[in-house]
Amino acid sequence: VNTKSAAPRSRENSPAPAPRSWAWTIGLFGLLILPGLAAGRLSLRYDVAWAVIGCAGVSGVLFLLYAIDKRRAQAKGAERIPEAGLHALELLGGWPGAFAAQRLLRHKNAKLTYQFVFWLIVAAWQAVALDYLLGWRMLRGLAG
């Protein structure tokens, strides 16, 4: 009988645990409701297909950048991707990809300063979409 126990795996070499549930996907779909409705309404007057495709593309690129940055973070001393660059891509429409990467890759999800800026960007997208759906009432209210 082998009584030796296996050596514990180091945290650095073990893969990130799988998300416990798919609740994050429900959250993502919830966050996409207002922008999706706004895009749908815009599509009645304009061709927004390229804008939607562009946002999806930026989201995909941003997901990959999160994966690259996480790998670099685990390789001590490797050059990291600047947070300002990640935030710029989130602002350009990549925030859904960033949201998914934060949940699936468990990267940038615990740093409070990063999360604060990320959620400001998401809130800005939500506010613009809602204001558009309301006929720019909030913007007109601010203007005068």
C-alpha atoms as a PDB file:
ATOM      1  CA  VAL A   1       0.000   0.000   0.000  1.00  0.00           C
ATOM      2  CA  ASN A   2       1.391   3.338  -1.034  1.00  0.00           C
ATOM      3  CA  THR A   3       1.006   5.777   1.843  1.00  0.00           C
ATOM      4  CA  LYS A   4       2.840   8.617   0.163  1.00  0.00           C
ATOM      5  CA  SER A   5       0.616  11.524  -0.679  1.00  0.00           C
ATOM      6  CA  ALA A   6       1.056  13.417  -3.888  1.00  0.00           C
ATOM      7  CA  ALA A   7       2.883  16.699  -3.555  1.00  0.00           C
ATOM      8  CA  PRO A   8       0.518  19.623  -3.708  1.00  0.00           C
ATOM      9  CA  ARG A   9       0.520  21.408  -7.038  1.00  0.00           C
ATOM     10  CA  SER A  10       1.800  24.935  -6.997  1.00  0.00           C
ATOM     11  CA  ARG A  11      -0.824  27.572  -7.560  1.00  0.00           C
ATOM     12  CA  GLU A  12       1.255  29.158 -10.333  1.00  0.00           C
ATOM     13  CA  ASN A  13       1.328  25.987 -12.448  1.00  0.00           C
ATOM     14  CA  SER A  14      -2.247  24.881 -11.955  1.00  0.00           C
ATOM     15  CA  PRO A  15      -4.882  26.020 -14.425  1.00  0.00           C
ATOM     16  CA  ALA A  16      -7.491  28.530 -13.320  1.00  0.00           C
ATOM     17  CA  PRO A  17     -10.516  26.777 -11.894  1.00  0.00           C
ATOM     18  CA  ALA A  18     -13.542  26.622 -14.148  1.00  0.00           C
ATOM     19  CA  PRO A  19     -16.297  29.072 -13.278  1.00  0.00           C
ATOM     20  CA  ARG A  20     -18.691  27.551 -10.772  1.00  0.00           C
ATOM     21  CA  SER A  21     -21.735  28.398 -12.816  1.00  0.00           C
ATOM     22  CA  TRP A  22     -22.883  29.993 -16.009  1.00  0.00           C
ATOM     23  CA  ALA A  23     -24.375  32.916 -14.090  1.00  0.00           C
ATOM     24  CA  TRP A  24     -21.842  35.240 -15.703  1.00  0.00           C
ATOM     25  CA  THR A  25     -23.395  34.528 -19.127  1.00  0.00           C
ATOM     26  CA  ILE A  26     -26.772  35.625 -17.818  1.00  0.00           C
ATOM     27  CA  GLY A  27     -25.096  38.763 -16.489  1.00  0.00           C
ATOM     28  CA  LEU A  28     -23.471  39.427 -19.853  1.00  0.00           C
ATOM     29  CA  PHE A  29     -26.752  38.987 -21.718  1.00  0.00           C
ATOM     30  CA  GLY A  30     -28.394  41.315 -19.217  1.00  0.00           C
ATOM     31  CA  LEU A  31     -25.727  43.942 -19.833  1.00  0.00           C
ATOM     32  CA  LEU A  32     -26.217  43.596 -23.592  1.00  0.00           C
ATOM     33  CA  ILE A  33     -29.986  44.241 -23.490  1.00  0.00           C
ATOM     34  CA  LEU A  34     -29.893  48.062 -23.599  1.00  0.00           C
ATOM     35  CA  PRO A  35     -27.087  48.331 -26.176  1.00  0.00           C
ATOM     36  CA  GLY A  36     -28.800  45.634 -28.243  1.00  0.00           C
ATOM     37  CA  LEU A  37     -32.131  47.447 -28.165  1.00  0.00           C
ATOM     38  CA  ALA A  38     -30.413  50.705 -29.070  1.00  0.00           C
ATOM     39  CA  ALA A  39     -28.595  49.034 -31.983  1.00  0.00           C
ATOM     40  CA  GLY A  40     -31.892  47.506 -33.119  1.00  0.00           C
ATOM     41  CA  ARG A  41     -33.601  50.886 -33.061  1.00  0.00           C
ATOM     42  CA  LEU A  42     -30.665  52.521 -34.850  1.00  0.00           C
ATOM     43  CA  SER A  43     -30.816  49.823 -37.530  1.00  0.00           C
ATOM     44  CA  LEU A  44     -34.271  51.057 -38.512  1.00  0.00           C
ATOM     45  CA  ARG A  45     -32.662  54.267 -39.784  1.00  0.00           C
ATOM     46  CA  TYR A  46     -29.027  53.346 -40.418  1.00  0.00           C
ATOM     47  CA  ASP A  47     -26.927  50.367 -41.399  1.00  0.00           C
ATOM     48  CA  VAL A  48     -25.290  49.464 -38.089  1.00  0.00           C
ATOM     49  CA  ALA A  49     -24.068  46.017 -39.091  1.00  0.00           C
ATOM     50  CA  TRP A  50     -20.462  47.191 -39.377  1.00  0.00           C
ATOM     51  CA  ALA A  51     -20.604  48.840 -35.966  1.00  0.00           C
ATOM     52  CA  VAL A  52     -21.967  45.662 -34.381  1.00  0.00           C
ATOM     53  CA  ILE A  53     -19.371  43.533 -36.182  1.00  0.00           C
ATOM     54  CA  GLY A  54     -16.677  45.991 -35.100  1.00  0.00           C
ATOM     55  CA  CYS A  55     -17.709  45.788 -31.446  1.00  0.00           C
ATOM     56  CA  ALA A  56     -17.772  41.994 -31.630  1.00  0.00           C
ATOM     57  CA  GLY A  57     -14.310  42.015 -33.211  1.00  0.00           C
ATOM     58  CA  VAL A  58     -12.901  44.372 -30.577  1.00  0.00           C
ATOM     59  CA  SER A  59     -14.427  42.120 -27.902  1.00  0.00           C
ATOM     60  CA  GLY A  60     -12.713  39.081 -29.376  1.00  0.00           C
ATOM     61  CA  VAL A  61      -9.362  40.858 -29.618  1.00  0.00           C
ATOM     62  CA  LEU A  62      -9.723  42.120 -26.051  1.00  0.00           C
ATOM     63  CA  PHE A  63     -10.467  38.595 -24.790  1.00  0.00           C
ATOM     64  CA  LEU A  64      -7.239  37.417 -26.432  1.00  0.00           C
ATOM     65  CA  LEU A  65      -5.298  40.341 -24.948  1.00  0.00           C
ATOM     66  CA  TYR A  66      -6.572  39.428 -21.482  1.00  0.00           C
ATOM     67  CA  ALA A  67      -5.329  35.858 -22.038  1.00  0.00           C
ATOM     68  CA  ILE A  68      -1.938  37.127 -23.215  1.00  0.00           C
ATOM     69  CA  ASP A  69      -1.665  39.537 -20.289  1.00  0.00           C
ATOM     70  CA  LYS A  70      -2.562  36.807 -17.805  1.00  0.00           C
ATOM     71  CA  ARG A  71       0.123  34.548 -19.230  1.00  0.00           C
ATOM     72  CA  ARG A  72       2.626  37.392 -19.015  1.00  0.00           C
ATOM     73  CA  ALA A  73       1.575  38.100 -15.423  1.00  0.00           C
ATOM     74  CA  GLN A  74       2.293  34.472 -14.533  1.00  0.00           C
ATOM     75  CA  ALA A  75       5.717  34.668 -16.232  1.00  0.00           C
ATOM     76  CA  LYS A  76       7.447  36.934 -13.757  1.00  0.00           C
ATOM     77  CA  GLY A  77       9.194  39.869 -15.391  1.00  0.00           C
ATOM     78  CA  ALA A  78       7.396  39.664 -18.743  1.00  0.00           C
ATOM     79  CA  GLU A  79       6.198  42.922 -20.264  1.00  0.00           C
ATOM     80  CA  ARG A  80       2.515  43.458 -19.483  1.00  0.00           C
ATOM     81  CA  ILE A  81      -0.202  45.024 -21.604  1.00  0.00           C
ATOM     82  CA  PRO A  82      -0.905  48.534 -20.282  1.00  0.00           C
ATOM     83  CA  GLU A  83      -4.224  48.828 -18.470  1.00  0.00           C
ATOM     84  CA  ALA A  84      -4.946  52.083 -20.292  1.00  0.00           C
ATOM     85  CA  GLY A  85      -4.831  50.172 -23.578  1.00  0.00           C
ATOM     86  CA  LEU A  86      -7.229  47.546 -22.290  1.00  0.00           C
ATOM     87  CA  HIS A  87      -9.583  50.256 -21.042  1.00  0.00           C
ATOM     88  CA  ALA A  88      -9.407  52.064 -24.394  1.00  0.00           C
ATOM     89  CA  LEU A  89     -10.519  48.901 -26.183  1.00  0.00           C
ATOM     90  CA  GLU A  90     -13.307  48.412 -23.621  1.00  0.00           C
ATOM     91  CA  LEU A  91     -14.496  51.939 -24.342  1.00  0.00           C
ATOM     92  CA  LEU A  92     -14.436  51.247 -28.095  1.00  0.00           C
ATOM     93  CA  GLY A  93     -16.973  48.462 -27.590  1.00  0.00           C
ATOM     94  CA  GLY A  94     -14.870  45.587 -26.323  1.00  0.00           C
ATOM     95  CA  TRP A  95     -16.295  45.586 -22.801  1.00  0.00           C
ATOM     96  CA  PRO A  96     -18.363  42.388 -23.404  1.00  0.00           C
ATOM     97  CA  GLY A  97     -15.172  40.504 -24.299  1.00  0.00           C
ATOM     98  CA  ALA A  98     -13.448  41.969 -21.258  1.00  0.00           C
ATOM     99  CA  PHE A  99     -16.361  40.929 -19.042  1.00  0.00           C
ATOM    100  CA  ALA A 100     -16.210  37.362 -20.363  1.00  0.00           C
ATOM    101  CA  ALA A 101     -12.413  37.220 -20.010  1.00  0.00           C
ATOM    102  CA  GLN A 102     -12.569  38.466 -16.429  1.00  0.00           C
ATOM    103  CA  ARG A 103     -15.005  35.671 -15.563  1.00  0.00           C
ATOM    104  CA  LEU A 104     -13.523  32.812 -17.591  1.00  0.00           C
ATOM    105  CA  LEU A 105      -9.827  33.597 -17.213  1.00  0.00           C
ATOM    106  CA  ARG A 106     -10.075  35.091 -13.721  1.00  0.00           C
ATOM    107  CA  HIS A 107      -7.897  38.001 -14.772  1.00  0.00           C
ATOM    108  CA  LYS A 108      -8.238  41.634 -13.692  1.00  0.00           C
ATOM    109  CA  ASN A 109     -11.334  40.699 -11.694  1.00  0.00           C
ATOM    110  CA  ALA A 110      -9.906  41.368  -8.221  1.00  0.00           C
ATOM    111  CA  LYS A 111      -8.008  44.609  -8.806  1.00  0.00           C
ATOM    112  CA  LEU A 112     -10.348  47.294  -7.470  1.00  0.00           C
ATOM    113  CA  THR A 113      -8.867  50.231  -9.361  1.00  0.00           C
ATOM    114  CA  TYR A 114      -9.154  48.325 -12.630  1.00  0.00           C
ATOM    115  CA  GLN A 115     -12.689  47.189 -11.863  1.00  0.00           C
ATOM    116  CA  PHE A 116     -13.747  50.734 -10.977  1.00  0.00           C
ATOM    117  CA  VAL A 117     -12.725  52.057 -14.412  1.00  0.00           C
ATOM    118  CA  PHE A 118     -14.126  48.963 -16.166  1.00  0.00           C
ATOM    119  CA  TRP A 119     -17.555  49.382 -14.560  1.00  0.00           C
ATOM    120  CA  LEU A 120     -17.543  53.120 -15.332  1.00  0.00           C
ATOM    121  CA  ILE A 121     -17.078  52.185 -18.995  1.00  0.00           C
ATOM    122  CA  VAL A 122     -19.888  49.614 -18.853  1.00  0.00           C
ATOM    123  CA  ALA A 123     -22.144  52.152 -17.101  1.00  0.00           C
ATOM    124  CA  ALA A 124     -21.342  54.734 -19.791  1.00  0.00           C
ATOM    125  CA  TRP A 125     -22.379  52.288 -22.519  1.00  0.00           C
ATOM    126  CA  GLN A 126     -25.586  51.516 -20.632  1.00  0.00           C
ATOM    127  CA  ALA A 127     -26.359  55.200 -20.049  1.00  0.00           C
ATOM    128  CA  VAL A 128     -25.813  56.167 -23.694  1.00  0.00           C
ATOM    129  CA  ALA A 129     -27.969  53.271 -24.899  1.00  0.00           C
ATOM    130  CA  LEU A 130     -30.751  54.108 -22.433  1.00  0.00           C
ATOM    131  CA  ASP A 131     -30.623  57.812 -23.246  1.00  0.00           C
ATOM    132  CA  TYR A 132     -30.837  57.063 -26.973  1.00  0.00           C
ATOM    133  CA  LEU A 133     -33.854  54.812 -26.373  1.00  0.00           C
ATOM    134  CA  LEU A 134     -35.464  57.625 -24.350  1.00  0.00           C
ATOM    135  CA  GLY A 135     -34.947  60.158 -27.126  1.00  0.00           C
ATOM    136  CA  TRP A 136     -31.869  61.753 -25.527  1.00  0.00           C
ATOM    137  CA  ARG A 137     -33.907  63.029 -22.545  1.00  0.00           C
ATOM    138  CA  MET A 138     -30.987  62.805 -20.105  1.00  0.00           C
ATOM    139  CA  LEU A 139     -28.625  64.656 -22.436  1.00  0.00           C
ATOM    140  CA  ARG A 140     -31.195  67.356 -23.144  1.00  0.00           C
ATOM    141  CA  GLY A 141     -31.832  67.653 -19.404  1.00  0.00           C
ATOM    142  CA  LEU A 142     -28.143  68.239 -18.788  1.00  0.00           C
ATOM    143  CA  ALA A 143     -27.957  70.791 -21.580  1.00  0.00           C
ATOM    144  CA  GLY A 144     -30.568  73.023 -20.225  1.00  0.00           C
END
